[in-house]
N, C-alpha and C. Protein backbone atom coordinates (compact mmCIF):
# COMPACT_ATOMS: atom_id res chain seq x y z
N MET A 1 -24.31 28.06 6.25
CA MET A 1 -24.16 29.24 7.05
C MET A 1 -24.62 30.63 6.85
N GLN A 2 -25.47 31.26 7.84
CA GLN A 2 -25.55 32.48 7.42
C GLN A 2 -24.45 33.64 7.90
N PRO A 3 -24.06 34.56 7.13
CA PRO A 3 -22.89 35.41 7.36
C PRO A 3 -23.21 36.67 8.70
N THR A 4 -22.05 36.70 9.22
CA THR A 4 -22.43 37.25 10.77
C THR A 4 -21.62 38.19 10.85
N VAL A 5 -21.68 39.30 11.71
CA VAL A 5 -21.11 40.49 12.65
C VAL A 5 -20.88 40.08 13.47
N PHE A 6 -19.48 40.24 13.75
CA PHE A 6 -19.05 39.93 15.57
C PHE A 6 -18.24 41.43 16.09
N PHE A 7 -19.00 41.39 17.34
CA PHE A 7 -18.54 42.52 18.07
C PHE A 7 -17.60 42.35 19.05
N PRO A 8 -16.54 43.16 19.21
CA PRO A 8 -15.82 43.01 20.03
C PRO A 8 -16.33 42.80 21.56
N ASN A 9 -16.14 41.77 22.29
CA ASN A 9 -16.69 41.84 24.04
C ASN A 9 -17.19 43.26 24.83
N HIS A 10 -15.95 44.30 24.38
CA HIS A 10 -16.23 45.48 25.47
C HIS A 10 -17.21 46.64 24.86
N TYR A 11 -17.67 45.90 23.66
CA TYR A 11 -18.77 47.06 23.14
C TYR A 11 -20.17 47.19 23.83
N GLY A 12 -20.29 48.11 24.24
CA GLY A 12 -21.41 48.72 25.36
C GLY A 12 -22.49 48.70 24.29
N PRO A 13 -23.75 48.75 24.74
CA PRO A 13 -25.46 48.82 23.73
C PRO A 13 -25.04 50.20 23.24
N GLN A 14 -24.40 51.08 23.30
CA GLN A 14 -24.57 52.68 22.54
C GLN A 14 -23.51 52.22 21.28
N MET A 15 -22.48 51.92 21.65
CA MET A 15 -21.54 51.83 20.55
C MET A 15 -21.97 50.59 19.50
N LYS A 16 -22.69 49.52 20.00
CA LYS A 16 -23.44 48.37 19.31
C LYS A 16 -24.69 49.23 18.40
N LEU A 17 -25.15 50.07 18.99
CA LEU A 17 -26.28 50.78 18.07
C LEU A 17 -25.60 51.64 17.25
N LEU A 18 -24.68 52.35 17.56
CA LEU A 18 -24.13 53.30 16.66
C LEU A 18 -23.22 52.67 15.34
N ALA A 19 -22.91 51.37 15.76
CA ALA A 19 -22.37 50.34 14.45
C ALA A 19 -23.31 49.84 13.92
N LEU A 20 -24.26 49.39 14.44
CA LEU A 20 -25.32 48.69 13.29
C LEU A 20 -26.20 49.63 12.58
N THR A 21 -26.16 51.21 13.28
CA THR A 21 -26.96 52.04 12.48
C THR A 21 -25.98 52.40 11.44
N THR A 22 -24.69 52.58 11.42
CA THR A 22 -23.63 52.80 10.46
C THR A 22 -23.66 52.20 9.28
N LEU A 23 -23.62 50.37 10.14
CA LEU A 23 -23.41 49.39 9.16
C LEU A 23 -24.92 48.93 8.46
N SER A 24 -25.86 49.62 8.45
CA SER A 24 -27.55 49.24 7.85
C SER A 24 -27.48 50.25 6.83
N SER A 25 -26.67 51.78 7.23
CA SER A 25 -26.83 52.99 5.91
C SER A 25 -25.88 52.14 5.25
N LEU A 26 -24.86 51.87 5.12
CA LEU A 26 -23.41 51.60 4.50
C LEU A 26 -24.17 50.14 3.76
N CYS A 27 -24.79 49.15 4.30
CA CYS A 27 -24.52 47.80 3.38
C CYS A 27 -25.47 47.88 2.47
N LEU A 28 -25.62 47.80 2.13
CA LEU A 28 -25.85 48.28 1.36
C LEU A 28 -27.21 47.70 1.69
N ALA A 29 -27.44 48.04 -1.51
CA ALA A 29 -27.91 48.05 -2.89
C ALA A 29 -28.53 49.32 -3.40
N HIS A 30 -28.30 49.02 -5.30
CA HIS A 30 -28.36 50.47 -6.10
C HIS A 30 -29.12 50.18 -7.21
N VAL A 31 -30.20 51.29 -7.39
CA VAL A 31 -31.06 51.03 -8.62
C VAL A 31 -30.05 52.10 -10.04
N ALA A 32 -29.43 51.71 -10.36
CA ALA A 32 -28.65 52.45 -11.42
C ALA A 32 -29.03 53.20 -11.91
N LEU A 33 -28.59 54.75 -12.38
CA LEU A 33 -29.11 55.85 -12.92
C LEU A 33 -28.55 55.57 -14.36
N GLY A 34 -28.15 54.94 -14.72
CA GLY A 34 -27.17 55.26 -16.07
C GLY A 34 -27.83 55.28 -17.27
N GLN A 35 -28.24 54.29 -17.83
CA GLN A 35 -28.76 54.29 -19.58
C GLN A 35 -29.96 55.04 -19.66
N GLN A 36 -30.58 54.92 -18.77
CA GLN A 36 -32.14 55.20 -19.29
C GLN A 36 -32.67 54.51 -20.32
N PRO A 37 -32.71 53.35 -20.62
CA PRO A 37 -33.58 53.11 -21.59
C PRO A 37 -34.79 53.18 -21.21
N LEU A 38 -35.70 53.71 -20.60
CA LEU A 38 -36.89 54.03 -20.65
C LEU A 38 -37.30 55.15 -21.50
N ALA A 39 -36.03 55.73 -22.11
CA ALA A 39 -36.49 57.15 -22.75
C ALA A 39 -37.87 57.37 -23.50
N ALA A 40 -37.92 56.19 -24.22
CA ALA A 40 -39.28 55.69 -25.26
C ALA A 40 -40.80 55.88 -24.29
N THR A 41 -40.76 55.79 -22.80
CA THR A 41 -41.65 56.22 -22.20
C THR A 41 -42.70 57.36 -22.25
N LYS A 42 -41.56 58.33 -22.70
CA LYS A 42 -41.91 59.74 -22.45
C LYS A 42 -43.22 60.20 -22.76
N ALA A 43 -43.83 60.93 -22.69
CA ALA A 43 -45.22 61.40 -23.00
C ALA A 43 -44.97 61.88 -24.29
N LYS A 44 -45.93 61.43 -25.15
CA LYS A 44 -45.92 62.17 -26.60
C LYS A 44 -46.77 63.22 -26.68
N THR A 45 -45.87 64.12 -27.53
CA THR A 45 -46.56 65.64 -27.79
C THR A 45 -46.68 65.73 -29.14
N SER A 46 -45.40 66.53 -29.47
CA SER A 46 -45.49 66.90 -31.06
C SER A 46 -44.60 66.44 -31.48
N ALA A 47 -44.44 66.60 -33.10
CA ALA A 47 -43.45 66.09 -33.86
C ALA A 47 -42.41 65.83 -33.40
N PRO A 48 -41.46 66.81 -32.90
CA PRO A 48 -40.02 66.83 -32.17
C PRO A 48 -39.62 65.21 -31.14
N VAL A 49 -41.05 64.85 -30.76
CA VAL A 49 -41.00 64.02 -30.04
C VAL A 49 -40.74 62.58 -30.44
N THR A 50 -41.12 62.40 -31.58
CA THR A 50 -41.01 61.34 -32.23
C THR A 50 -39.96 60.68 -32.30
N ALA A 51 -38.88 61.57 -32.33
CA ALA A 51 -37.44 60.76 -32.70
C ALA A 51 -37.00 60.29 -30.90
N VAL A 52 -37.49 61.24 -30.16
CA VAL A 52 -37.31 60.27 -28.68
C VAL A 52 -37.92 59.03 -28.44
N ALA A 53 -39.04 59.46 -28.86
CA ALA A 53 -39.98 57.82 -28.74
C ALA A 53 -39.69 56.63 -29.72
N THR A 54 -38.58 56.77 -30.60
CA THR A 54 -38.09 55.65 -31.43
C THR A 54 -37.14 55.27 -31.16
N GLU A 55 -36.41 56.02 -29.87
CA GLU A 55 -35.02 55.90 -29.68
C GLU A 55 -35.09 54.52 -28.99
N GLN A 56 -33.71 53.52 -29.31
CA GLN A 56 -33.38 52.54 -29.08
C GLN A 56 -32.71 52.54 -27.63
N PRO A 57 -33.00 51.66 -26.85
CA PRO A 57 -31.73 51.29 -25.89
C PRO A 57 -30.46 51.09 -26.11
N GLY A 58 -29.37 51.84 -25.48
CA GLY A 58 -27.99 51.74 -25.96
C GLY A 58 -27.31 50.31 -25.74
N ALA A 59 -26.66 49.70 -26.43
CA ALA A 59 -26.19 48.27 -26.58
C ALA A 59 -25.05 48.09 -25.52
N ALA A 60 -25.48 46.76 -25.02
CA ALA A 60 -23.85 46.73 -24.07
C ALA A 60 -22.54 46.91 -24.81
N ASP A 61 -21.54 47.93 -23.74
CA ASP A 61 -20.24 48.03 -24.46
C ASP A 61 -19.07 46.92 -23.70
N GLU A 62 -17.97 47.72 -23.92
CA GLU A 62 -16.64 46.94 -22.81
C GLU A 62 -16.99 47.27 -21.40
N PHE A 63 -17.54 48.32 -21.13
CA PHE A 63 -17.66 48.81 -19.70
C PHE A 63 -18.74 47.39 -18.92
N HIS A 64 -20.06 47.29 -19.80
CA HIS A 64 -21.09 46.42 -19.42
C HIS A 64 -20.42 45.25 -19.16
N LYS A 65 -19.71 44.68 -20.33
CA LYS A 65 -18.85 43.21 -20.54
C LYS A 65 -18.14 43.24 -19.34
N MET A 66 -17.79 44.11 -18.72
CA MET A 66 -16.37 43.82 -17.56
C MET A 66 -17.42 43.52 -16.35
N LEU A 67 -18.56 44.37 -16.16
CA LEU A 67 -19.42 44.17 -15.21
C LEU A 67 -19.86 42.84 -15.34
N ALA A 68 -20.53 42.12 -16.55
CA ALA A 68 -21.02 40.97 -16.50
C ALA A 68 -19.69 39.39 -15.98
N ARG A 69 -18.50 40.23 -16.36
CA ARG A 69 -17.30 38.94 -15.84
C ARG A 69 -17.17 38.58 -14.25
N SER A 70 -18.11 39.67 -13.51
CA SER A 70 -18.00 39.77 -12.34
C SER A 70 -19.52 38.33 -11.92
N ASN A 71 -20.39 38.16 -12.70
CA ASN A 71 -21.41 37.43 -12.62
C ASN A 71 -21.02 36.44 -11.78
N GLY A 72 -22.08 35.85 -10.86
CA GLY A 72 -21.82 34.61 -10.02
C GLY A 72 -21.98 34.96 -8.43
N ALA A 73 -21.38 33.55 -7.78
CA ALA A 73 -21.21 34.05 -6.33
C ALA A 73 -20.16 34.35 -5.49
N TRP A 74 -20.17 34.99 -4.71
CA TRP A 74 -19.23 35.68 -3.94
C TRP A 74 -18.98 35.57 -2.31
N THR A 75 -17.66 35.73 -1.51
CA THR A 75 -18.08 35.28 -0.12
C THR A 75 -17.06 36.17 0.31
N GLY A 76 -17.80 37.58 1.06
CA GLY A 76 -16.83 38.57 1.74
C GLY A 76 -16.30 38.34 3.02
N GLN A 77 -15.50 39.14 3.33
CA GLN A 77 -14.67 39.29 4.27
C GLN A 77 -14.62 40.54 4.70
N ALA A 78 -15.01 41.35 5.45
CA ALA A 78 -15.45 42.69 6.14
C ALA A 78 -14.66 43.34 7.35
N THR A 79 -14.17 44.37 7.00
CA THR A 79 -13.67 44.95 8.41
C THR A 79 -14.21 46.43 8.46
N MET A 80 -14.89 46.56 9.75
CA MET A 80 -15.33 48.26 9.74
C MET A 80 -15.10 48.75 10.90
N THR A 81 -14.70 50.00 11.24
CA THR A 81 -14.03 50.89 11.94
C THR A 81 -14.56 52.27 11.95
N PHE A 82 -15.75 52.23 13.31
CA PHE A 82 -16.23 53.48 13.34
C PHE A 82 -15.98 54.42 14.15
N SER A 83 -14.43 53.58 14.68
CA SER A 83 -14.13 55.01 15.94
C SER A 83 -12.67 54.56 15.50
N PRO A 84 -11.52 55.54 16.03
CA PRO A 84 -10.52 55.82 16.02
C PRO A 84 -10.12 55.04 17.47
N ASP A 85 -10.96 55.26 18.21
CA ASP A 85 -10.66 54.46 19.78
C ASP A 85 -10.83 53.24 20.16
N ALA A 86 -12.06 52.75 19.02
CA ALA A 86 -12.40 51.32 19.07
C ALA A 86 -12.01 50.37 18.12
N PRO A 87 -12.03 49.19 18.49
CA PRO A 87 -11.28 48.16 17.71
C PRO A 87 -12.18 47.76 16.32
N PRO A 88 -11.92 47.37 15.32
CA PRO A 88 -12.71 47.13 14.59
C PRO A 88 -13.48 45.73 14.54
N MET A 89 -14.71 45.95 13.93
CA MET A 89 -15.55 44.77 13.84
C MET A 89 -15.21 43.87 12.69
N THR A 90 -15.44 42.37 12.92
CA THR A 90 -15.55 41.84 11.53
C THR A 90 -16.95 41.10 10.92
N SER A 91 -16.78 41.03 9.99
CA SER A 91 -18.18 40.21 9.51
C SER A 91 -18.14 39.56 8.46
N THR A 92 -19.10 38.50 7.93
CA THR A 92 -18.87 37.40 6.44
C THR A 92 -20.14 38.31 5.93
N SER A 93 -20.04 38.17 4.45
CA SER A 93 -21.40 38.33 3.83
C SER A 93 -21.38 37.29 2.67
N THR A 94 -22.51 37.34 1.69
CA THR A 94 -22.60 36.48 0.38
C THR A 94 -22.94 37.85 -0.49
N LEU A 95 -22.53 37.70 -1.64
CA LEU A 95 -22.83 38.27 -2.87
C LEU A 95 -22.99 37.66 -3.80
N ILE A 96 -24.33 37.86 -4.75
CA ILE A 96 -24.67 37.25 -5.97
C ILE A 96 -24.61 38.13 -7.10
N ASN A 97 -24.22 37.91 -8.15
CA ASN A 97 -24.44 38.74 -9.44
C ASN A 97 -24.74 38.55 -10.47
N HIS A 98 -25.53 39.22 -11.30
CA HIS A 98 -26.14 38.83 -12.47
C HIS A 98 -26.45 40.00 -13.39
N MET A 99 -26.61 39.99 -14.57
CA MET A 99 -26.86 40.97 -15.46
C MET A 99 -28.34 41.15 -16.01
N ALA A 100 -29.00 42.30 -16.00
CA ALA A 100 -30.24 42.69 -16.31
C ALA A 100 -30.14 43.46 -17.22
N MET A 101 -31.54 43.32 -18.34
CA MET A 101 -31.91 44.53 -19.10
C MET A 101 -31.22 44.44 -20.35
N GLY A 102 -30.78 43.28 -20.79
CA GLY A 102 -30.22 43.24 -22.27
C GLY A 102 -28.70 43.29 -21.82
N GLY A 103 -27.88 43.10 -20.62
CA GLY A 103 -26.61 43.28 -20.46
C GLY A 103 -26.72 44.57 -20.11
N LEU A 104 -27.31 45.74 -19.75
CA LEU A 104 -26.92 46.98 -19.24
C LEU A 104 -26.71 47.35 -17.72
N TYR A 105 -27.01 46.20 -17.16
CA TYR A 105 -26.88 46.65 -15.46
C TYR A 105 -26.88 45.27 -14.95
N GLN A 106 -25.53 45.53 -13.62
CA GLN A 106 -25.30 44.38 -13.09
C GLN A 106 -26.70 44.11 -11.74
N VAL A 107 -26.90 43.30 -11.54
CA VAL A 107 -27.89 43.42 -10.38
C VAL A 107 -27.44 42.85 -9.30
N SER A 108 -26.93 42.96 -7.72
CA SER A 108 -26.39 42.30 -6.79
C SER A 108 -27.44 42.23 -5.65
N GLU A 109 -27.18 40.80 -4.98
CA GLU A 109 -27.72 40.88 -4.04
C GLU A 109 -26.97 40.40 -2.88
N ILE A 110 -26.90 41.01 -1.72
CA ILE A 110 -25.78 40.89 -0.98
C ILE A 110 -26.87 40.58 0.91
N THR A 111 -26.25 39.43 1.13
CA THR A 111 -26.67 39.00 2.37
C THR A 111 -25.70 38.94 3.64
N TYR A 112 -26.24 39.37 4.73
CA TYR A 112 -25.27 39.52 6.02
C TYR A 112 -26.30 39.49 7.02
N VAL A 113 -25.93 38.89 8.45
CA VAL A 113 -26.53 38.91 9.46
C VAL A 113 -25.98 39.71 10.53
N ILE A 114 -26.87 40.45 11.08
CA ILE A 114 -26.74 41.36 12.36
C ILE A 114 -27.49 41.26 13.37
N MET A 115 -26.28 40.58 14.58
CA MET A 115 -27.25 40.11 15.83
C MET A 115 -28.17 39.17 15.69
N GLY A 116 -28.17 38.35 14.93
CA GLY A 116 -28.63 36.95 14.44
C GLY A 116 -30.04 37.25 13.40
N LYS A 117 -30.24 38.76 13.18
CA LYS A 117 -31.11 38.80 12.34
C LYS A 117 -30.49 39.35 10.63
N PRO A 118 -31.07 38.53 9.84
CA PRO A 118 -30.52 37.95 8.04
C PRO A 118 -31.12 39.88 7.81
N ILE A 119 -30.01 40.48 6.69
CA ILE A 119 -30.24 41.55 6.15
C ILE A 119 -30.21 41.31 4.54
N THR A 120 -30.79 42.11 3.90
CA THR A 120 -30.58 42.03 2.47
C THR A 120 -30.61 42.86 1.60
N GLY A 121 -29.58 43.48 0.97
CA GLY A 121 -29.49 44.52 0.25
C GLY A 121 -29.61 44.36 -1.31
N ILE A 122 -29.68 45.07 -2.01
CA ILE A 122 -30.15 45.38 -3.53
C ILE A 122 -29.05 46.13 -4.11
N ARG A 123 -27.89 45.82 -4.83
CA ARG A 123 -27.00 47.04 -5.66
C ARG A 123 -27.35 46.86 -7.11
N VAL A 124 -27.64 47.93 -7.67
CA VAL A 124 -27.57 47.88 -9.36
C VAL A 124 -26.33 48.78 -9.71
N THR A 125 -25.63 48.26 -11.03
CA THR A 125 -24.75 48.76 -11.23
C THR A 125 -24.90 49.08 -12.91
N GLY A 126 -24.56 50.36 -13.43
CA GLY A 126 -24.57 50.37 -14.68
C GLY A 126 -23.52 51.39 -15.23
N TYR A 127 -23.46 51.45 -16.49
CA TYR A 127 -22.13 52.66 -16.99
C TYR A 127 -23.15 53.59 -18.19
N ASP A 128 -22.71 54.41 -17.82
CA ASP A 128 -23.63 55.71 -18.71
C ASP A 128 -22.45 56.01 -19.85
N ALA A 129 -22.50 55.40 -21.08
CA ALA A 129 -22.03 55.85 -22.28
C ALA A 129 -21.82 57.34 -22.74
N ASN A 130 -23.00 58.09 -22.20
CA ASN A 130 -22.91 59.62 -22.83
C ASN A 130 -21.68 60.31 -21.85
N LYS A 131 -21.96 59.96 -20.44
CA LYS A 131 -21.18 60.80 -19.62
C LYS A 131 -19.78 60.05 -19.24
N LYS A 132 -19.85 58.97 -19.53
CA LYS A 132 -18.29 58.08 -19.41
C LYS A 132 -18.03 57.64 -18.07
N ILE A 133 -19.25 57.38 -17.18
CA ILE A 133 -18.97 57.08 -15.60
C ILE A 133 -19.85 56.03 -15.57
N PHE A 134 -19.75 55.38 -14.41
CA PHE A 134 -20.48 54.33 -13.68
C PHE A 134 -21.62 54.62 -12.72
N THR A 135 -22.53 54.10 -12.80
CA THR A 135 -23.78 54.62 -12.01
C THR A 135 -23.97 53.34 -10.95
N ARG A 136 -24.43 54.10 -9.90
CA ARG A 136 -24.92 52.94 -8.91
C ARG A 136 -25.91 53.28 -7.88
N ALA A 137 -26.96 52.30 -7.41
CA ALA A 137 -27.47 52.65 -6.67
C ALA A 137 -27.92 51.46 -5.48
N MET A 138 -28.37 51.81 -4.28
CA MET A 138 -27.97 50.62 -3.11
C MET A 138 -29.45 50.95 -2.33
N ILE A 139 -30.22 49.86 -2.02
CA ILE A 139 -31.10 50.19 -1.08
C ILE A 139 -31.01 48.63 -0.15
N GLN A 140 -31.34 48.77 0.85
CA GLN A 140 -31.69 47.40 1.73
C GLN A 140 -32.81 47.33 2.94
N ASP A 141 -33.25 46.62 3.20
CA ASP A 141 -34.43 46.33 4.21
C ASP A 141 -34.16 46.93 5.59
N GLY A 142 -34.73 47.87 5.84
CA GLY A 142 -34.04 48.42 7.30
C GLY A 142 -33.30 49.40 7.19
N GLY A 143 -32.76 49.73 5.69
CA GLY A 143 -31.61 50.91 5.56
C GLY A 143 -32.27 52.04 4.94
N ASN A 144 -31.38 53.14 4.47
CA ASN A 144 -31.66 54.47 3.79
C ASN A 144 -30.59 53.98 2.47
N GLY A 145 -31.71 54.08 1.07
CA GLY A 145 -30.95 54.02 -0.05
C GLY A 145 -30.32 55.29 -0.55
N VAL A 146 -29.31 54.87 -1.22
CA VAL A 146 -28.44 55.72 -1.78
C VAL A 146 -28.01 55.96 -3.40
N ALA A 147 -27.54 56.66 -4.04
CA ALA A 147 -27.29 56.80 -5.50
C ALA A 147 -26.03 57.48 -5.53
N MET A 148 -25.26 56.92 -6.84
CA MET A 148 -23.81 57.51 -6.85
C MET A 148 -23.67 57.52 -8.29
N GLU A 149 -22.33 58.28 -8.67
CA GLU A 149 -21.91 57.87 -9.91
C GLU A 149 -20.47 57.91 -9.68
N GLY A 150 -19.76 57.51 -10.93
CA GLY A 150 -18.13 58.01 -10.94
C GLY A 150 -17.41 57.44 -11.92
N PRO A 151 -16.11 57.87 -12.14
CA PRO A 151 -15.36 57.46 -13.28
C PRO A 151 -14.64 55.92 -12.72
N TRP A 152 -14.05 55.85 -14.02
CA TRP A 152 -13.55 54.24 -13.91
C TRP A 152 -12.05 54.67 -14.30
N ASP A 153 -11.12 54.34 -13.34
CA ASP A 153 -9.40 54.54 -13.46
C ASP A 153 -8.88 53.36 -14.12
N ALA A 154 -8.46 53.23 -15.48
CA ALA A 154 -8.32 51.86 -15.95
C ALA A 154 -6.77 51.36 -15.52
N ALA A 155 -5.81 52.45 -15.15
CA ALA A 155 -4.46 52.01 -14.49
C ALA A 155 -4.79 51.25 -12.90
N SER A 156 -5.70 51.91 -12.39
CA SER A 156 -6.14 51.21 -11.01
C SER A 156 -7.11 50.38 -10.66
N LYS A 157 -7.67 50.18 -12.00
CA LYS A 157 -8.91 49.11 -11.79
C LYS A 157 -9.57 49.36 -11.14
N THR A 158 -9.87 50.54 -10.77
CA THR A 158 -11.20 51.36 -9.76
C THR A 158 -11.89 52.33 -10.38
N MET A 159 -13.46 51.79 -9.56
CA MET A 159 -14.23 53.13 -9.89
C MET A 159 -14.68 53.89 -8.56
N THR A 160 -14.30 54.88 -8.53
CA THR A 160 -14.76 55.83 -7.49
C THR A 160 -15.97 56.89 -7.41
N PHE A 161 -16.82 56.53 -6.55
CA PHE A 161 -17.79 57.02 -6.33
C PHE A 161 -17.69 58.28 -5.25
N ARG A 162 -18.63 59.46 -5.20
CA ARG A 162 -18.42 60.19 -4.38
C ARG A 162 -20.35 60.38 -4.15
N TYR A 163 -20.89 60.36 -2.90
CA TYR A 163 -22.51 60.49 -2.60
C TYR A 163 -22.69 61.08 -1.19
N GLN A 164 -23.69 61.14 -1.00
CA GLN A 164 -23.94 61.70 0.44
C GLN A 164 -24.94 60.45 0.71
N GLN A 165 -24.85 60.57 2.11
CA GLN A 165 -26.05 59.48 2.90
C GLN A 165 -26.41 60.13 4.19
N MET A 166 -27.61 59.48 4.37
CA MET A 166 -28.14 59.96 5.68
C MET A 166 -27.67 59.34 6.83
N ASN A 167 -27.21 59.84 7.83
CA ASN A 167 -26.64 59.32 9.02
C ASN A 167 -27.83 59.18 10.12
N ASN A 168 -28.37 57.84 10.21
CA ASN A 168 -29.43 57.65 10.84
C ASN A 168 -29.40 57.75 12.36
N ALA A 169 -27.93 57.75 12.82
CA ALA A 169 -28.04 58.39 14.47
C ALA A 169 -27.79 60.11 14.46
N THR A 170 -27.63 60.72 13.71
CA THR A 170 -27.27 61.83 14.13
C THR A 170 -28.55 62.85 13.22
N GLY A 171 -29.46 62.31 12.08
CA GLY A 171 -30.35 62.95 11.38
C GLY A 171 -29.71 63.72 10.26
N LYS A 172 -28.45 63.80 10.27
CA LYS A 172 -27.61 64.68 8.86
C LYS A 172 -26.98 63.84 7.75
N ALA A 173 -27.20 64.36 6.75
CA ALA A 173 -26.58 63.91 5.67
C ALA A 173 -24.62 64.17 5.70
N ALA A 174 -24.14 62.48 5.22
CA ALA A 174 -22.93 63.09 5.30
C ALA A 174 -21.95 62.64 4.09
N ASP A 175 -21.11 63.33 3.86
CA ASP A 175 -20.23 63.18 2.25
C ASP A 175 -19.29 61.78 2.60
N MET A 176 -19.37 60.96 1.80
CA MET A 176 -18.86 59.61 1.50
C MET A 176 -18.32 59.62 0.46
N LYS A 177 -17.19 58.56 0.36
CA LYS A 177 -16.46 57.85 -0.91
C LYS A 177 -16.72 56.60 -0.72
N GLU A 178 -16.93 55.78 -2.17
CA GLU A 178 -16.68 54.21 -2.28
C GLU A 178 -15.67 54.21 -3.44
N VAL A 179 -14.99 53.36 -3.01
CA VAL A 179 -13.83 52.91 -3.93
C VAL A 179 -14.00 51.49 -4.47
N TYR A 180 -14.17 51.05 -5.37
CA TYR A 180 -14.64 49.67 -5.91
C TYR A 180 -13.32 49.14 -6.95
N THR A 181 -12.47 48.38 -6.18
CA THR A 181 -11.28 47.58 -7.07
C THR A 181 -11.55 46.14 -7.64
N ILE A 182 -11.28 46.01 -8.91
CA ILE A 182 -11.45 44.80 -9.60
C ILE A 182 -9.94 44.57 -9.68
N VAL A 183 -9.56 43.59 -8.48
CA VAL A 183 -8.02 43.27 -8.22
C VAL A 183 -7.78 41.90 -9.39
N ASP A 184 -8.32 40.92 -9.28
CA ASP A 184 -8.63 40.13 -10.41
C ASP A 184 -9.60 39.28 -11.06
N ALA A 185 -9.78 38.30 -11.61
CA ALA A 185 -10.92 37.61 -12.06
C ALA A 185 -11.60 37.06 -10.78
N ASN A 186 -10.53 36.99 -9.55
CA ASN A 186 -11.68 35.91 -8.37
C ASN A 186 -11.52 36.89 -7.35
N THR A 187 -10.96 38.12 -7.59
CA THR A 187 -11.08 38.96 -6.22
C THR A 187 -11.66 40.44 -6.54
N GLU A 188 -12.19 40.78 -5.65
CA GLU A 188 -12.75 42.21 -5.66
C GLU A 188 -12.27 42.96 -4.40
N VAL A 189 -12.38 44.59 -4.21
CA VAL A 189 -12.44 44.82 -2.91
C VAL A 189 -13.04 46.40 -2.81
N LEU A 190 -13.99 46.21 -2.14
CA LEU A 190 -15.04 47.56 -1.88
C LEU A 190 -14.40 48.47 -0.60
N GLU A 191 -14.01 49.72 -0.43
CA GLU A 191 -13.85 50.56 0.51
C GLU A 191 -14.56 51.81 0.63
N ILE A 192 -14.88 52.08 1.96
CA ILE A 192 -16.15 53.12 1.86
C ILE A 192 -15.40 54.15 2.99
N TYR A 193 -15.40 55.17 2.54
CA TYR A 193 -14.99 56.24 3.78
C TYR A 193 -15.98 57.24 3.93
N ARG A 194 -15.82 57.79 4.96
CA ARG A 194 -16.69 59.19 5.33
C ARG A 194 -15.68 60.32 5.69
N VAL A 195 -16.23 61.57 5.04
CA VAL A 195 -15.61 62.45 5.05
C VAL A 195 -15.72 63.65 5.73
N ASP A 196 -14.91 63.84 6.75
CA ASP A 196 -14.92 65.13 7.73
C ASP A 196 -15.38 66.32 7.05
N PRO A 197 -16.73 66.58 7.90
CA PRO A 197 -17.45 67.97 7.04
C PRO A 197 -16.27 69.27 7.65
N GLN A 198 -15.51 69.13 8.49
CA GLN A 198 -14.51 70.31 9.21
C GLN A 198 -13.37 70.70 8.40
N THR A 199 -12.41 69.13 8.33
CA THR A 199 -11.45 69.10 7.79
C THR A 199 -11.31 69.11 6.35
N GLY A 200 -12.33 67.94 5.77
CA GLY A 200 -12.42 67.31 4.42
C GLY A 200 -11.31 66.20 4.46
N GLN A 201 -10.97 65.66 5.65
CA GLN A 201 -10.24 64.05 5.85
C GLN A 201 -10.95 63.12 5.48
N GLU A 202 -10.38 61.87 4.99
CA GLU A 202 -11.32 61.02 4.75
C GLU A 202 -10.81 59.74 5.96
N SER A 203 -11.92 59.02 6.16
CA SER A 203 -11.27 57.75 7.11
C SER A 203 -11.96 56.78 6.48
N LYS A 204 -11.30 55.75 6.48
CA LYS A 204 -12.30 54.31 6.01
C LYS A 204 -13.18 53.70 6.87
N ILE A 205 -14.17 53.59 7.07
CA ILE A 205 -15.25 52.76 8.07
C ILE A 205 -15.18 51.30 7.38
N LEU A 206 -15.13 51.21 6.02
CA LEU A 206 -15.52 49.75 5.64
C LEU A 206 -14.32 49.33 4.91
N HIS A 207 -13.83 47.94 4.74
CA HIS A 207 -13.09 47.40 3.64
C HIS A 207 -13.62 46.08 3.84
N VAL A 208 -13.91 45.43 2.68
CA VAL A 208 -14.54 44.40 2.01
C VAL A 208 -13.76 44.01 1.00
N LYS A 209 -13.41 42.53 1.55
CA LYS A 209 -12.34 41.53 0.44
C LYS A 209 -13.67 40.35 -0.39
N TRP A 210 -14.11 40.63 -1.43
CA TRP A 210 -14.80 39.66 -2.13
C TRP A 210 -13.99 38.61 -2.96
N THR A 211 -14.30 37.32 -2.24
CA THR A 211 -13.67 36.15 -3.02
C THR A 211 -14.48 35.65 -3.75
N ARG A 212 -14.32 35.13 -5.28
CA ARG A 212 -15.00 34.40 -6.03
C ARG A 212 -15.67 33.08 -5.55
N ASN A 213 -16.70 32.37 -5.42
CA ASN A 213 -17.08 31.00 -4.87
C ASN A 213 -16.14 30.16 -6.28
N GLN A 214 -15.56 29.01 -5.73
CA GLN A 214 -15.14 27.98 -6.61
C GLN A 214 -16.06 27.02 -6.71
């Protein structure tokens, strides 16, 4: 069964277009900016470059291993709120995670359906051991890509990313915040907030609860 987005009956064409545009921009997938294992491909110049040319990619650490524990297939139940005056929309989606490049990056393939059209996104998450932050990049067919980075909070088990994303409806960049929580071995939660440029107030526009397929 294909994952699907459900619109409330009273949504008109303009509200559906706004919702789909926002969802297309949000939903993802990400090429992470973290470890930069390809540093050895820098152009050769003089002797000082020799050290860079022979540098080995960083080894997977505890944070990469934490990402690897999310390998496998997941099902997501999402709630999207695009206006305080409109009821939320709901959707289902699928997520498949695996590690790549020697365990340095988590590659996630996300699939969902909007108005009968299947959409696929690719998200890549890494960990920059030098900056001690997670990095994430995301692309999808029919949408704008985004890149972000943010710290890990061990107490709340969350990664918090801040970034800018182009709004297809307005043609302007919007400040966004993404919070990703690892609840337990079989449950993860994604929350996305839009930041009001005038007040700085954050409004949650997407909540996805991911459950590992058994």
